[in-house]
Protein backbone atom coordinates (compact mmCIF):
# COMPACT_ATOMS: atom_id res chain seq x y z
CA MET A 1 -23.79 24.88 28.89
CA PHE A 2 -21.39 22.63 27.02
CA ARG A 3 -17.92 22.18 28.49
CA GLU A 4 -14.69 20.69 27.17
CA GLU A 5 -11.69 20.07 29.42
CA LYS A 6 -7.99 19.33 29.14
CA THR A 7 -5.47 18.84 31.94
CA PHE A 8 -1.88 20.04 31.60
CA ILE A 9 0.62 19.28 34.36
CA LEU A 10 3.74 21.31 35.04
CA ARG A 11 5.45 19.56 37.96
CA PHE A 12 8.20 20.96 40.15
CA SER A 13 10.45 18.56 42.08
CA LEU A 14 12.36 20.31 44.83
CA GLU A 15 15.74 19.09 46.01
CA ALA A 16 18.57 20.42 48.14
CA GLN A 17 22.12 19.14 47.86
CA PHE A 18 24.54 19.31 50.78
CA PRO A 19 28.25 18.66 51.19
CA GLU A 20 29.47 15.20 52.20
CA GLU A 21 30.05 16.20 55.83
CA TYR A 22 26.41 17.27 56.29
CA GLU A 23 24.72 15.29 59.07
CA GLY A 24 21.11 15.82 57.98
CA GLU A 25 18.32 18.16 59.10
CA GLU A 26 20.83 20.67 60.52
CA ASP A 27 19.36 23.46 58.44
CA ALA A 28 15.78 22.68 59.58
CA TYR A 29 14.70 22.62 55.94
CA SER A 30 15.47 26.30 55.45
CA TRP A 31 15.69 25.69 51.71
CA LEU A 32 12.06 24.52 51.73
CA ALA A 33 11.00 27.52 53.82
CA GLU A 34 12.64 29.77 51.20
CA TRP A 35 10.64 28.02 48.46
CA GLU A 36 7.34 28.48 50.31
CA ALA A 37 7.95 32.08 51.46
CA VAL A 38 9.80 33.58 48.50
CA VAL A 39 10.14 31.50 45.35
CA LYS A 40 6.66 29.95 45.07
CA PRO A 41 4.70 33.19 45.68
CA GLU A 42 6.85 35.03 43.14
CA LEU A 43 6.41 32.22 40.61
CA LEU A 44 2.63 32.17 41.06
CA LYS A 45 2.40 35.95 40.73
CA THR A 46 4.34 35.76 37.46
CA ILE A 47 2.22 32.90 36.12
CA PHE A 48 -1.06 34.68 36.93
CA ALA A 49 0.17 37.97 35.44
CA SER A 50 1.14 36.20 32.23
CA LEU A 51 -2.12 34.27 31.90
CA ARG A 52 -4.25 37.36 32.55
CA LYS A 53 -2.76 39.04 29.47
CA HIS A 54 -4.82 36.79 27.19
CA PRO A 55 -8.28 38.17 26.31
CA GLY A 56 -11.21 35.82 26.74
CA TRP A 57 -9.44 33.74 29.40
CA THR A 58 -10.00 33.91 33.15
CA VAL A 59 -7.70 32.35 35.68
CA HIS A 60 -8.18 31.32 39.30
CA VAL A 61 -6.90 28.86 41.88
CA ARG A 62 -8.97 25.71 42.23
CA ASN A 63 -8.79 23.85 45.53
CA ARG A 64 -8.97 20.07 45.25
CA GLY A 65 -8.58 19.47 48.99
CA LYS A 66 -4.80 19.13 49.03
CA ALA A 67 -2.51 21.33 51.08
CA SER A 68 -1.08 24.30 49.15
CA THR A 69 2.38 23.11 50.22
CA ASP A 70 1.79 20.03 48.05
CA GLU A 71 -0.35 21.20 45.15
CA ILE A 72 -1.81 24.32 43.61
CA GLU A 73 -4.20 23.88 40.73
CA ILE A 74 -4.69 26.83 38.41
CA ALA A 75 -7.94 26.80 36.46
CA LEU A 76 -7.80 28.60 33.13
CA VAL A 77 -11.21 29.11 31.53
CA LYS A 78 -11.85 30.26 27.97
CA THR A 79 -15.24 31.80 27.30
CA VAL A 80 -16.30 31.11 23.72
CA GLU A 81 -18.88 33.67 22.61
CA ASN A 82 -19.38 32.92 18.93
CA ALA A 83 -19.62 29.11 18.87
CA LYS A 84 -22.04 27.60 16.38
CA ARG A 85 -24.94 25.67 17.85
CA LYS A 86 -25.75 22.15 16.74
CA ALA A 87 -28.81 21.90 14.56
């Protein structure tokens, strides 16, 4: 089987901004807990639903050994049925 590959990176940088009088770590990173528990799962569900709408493509999570809190790789595979063979 012949395979071609291309990597595309969509990077999210998370930040929280606090008022001047904030002392630090008082919120116990609740903003990050919200990202992990609510925002990220909803985002991934939307991404997968969108990608699955395209015929001939399959999509799955690929684990590269990093924690899912740091990285999630989505593998998108196109199956080409009618490719011409080299002579």
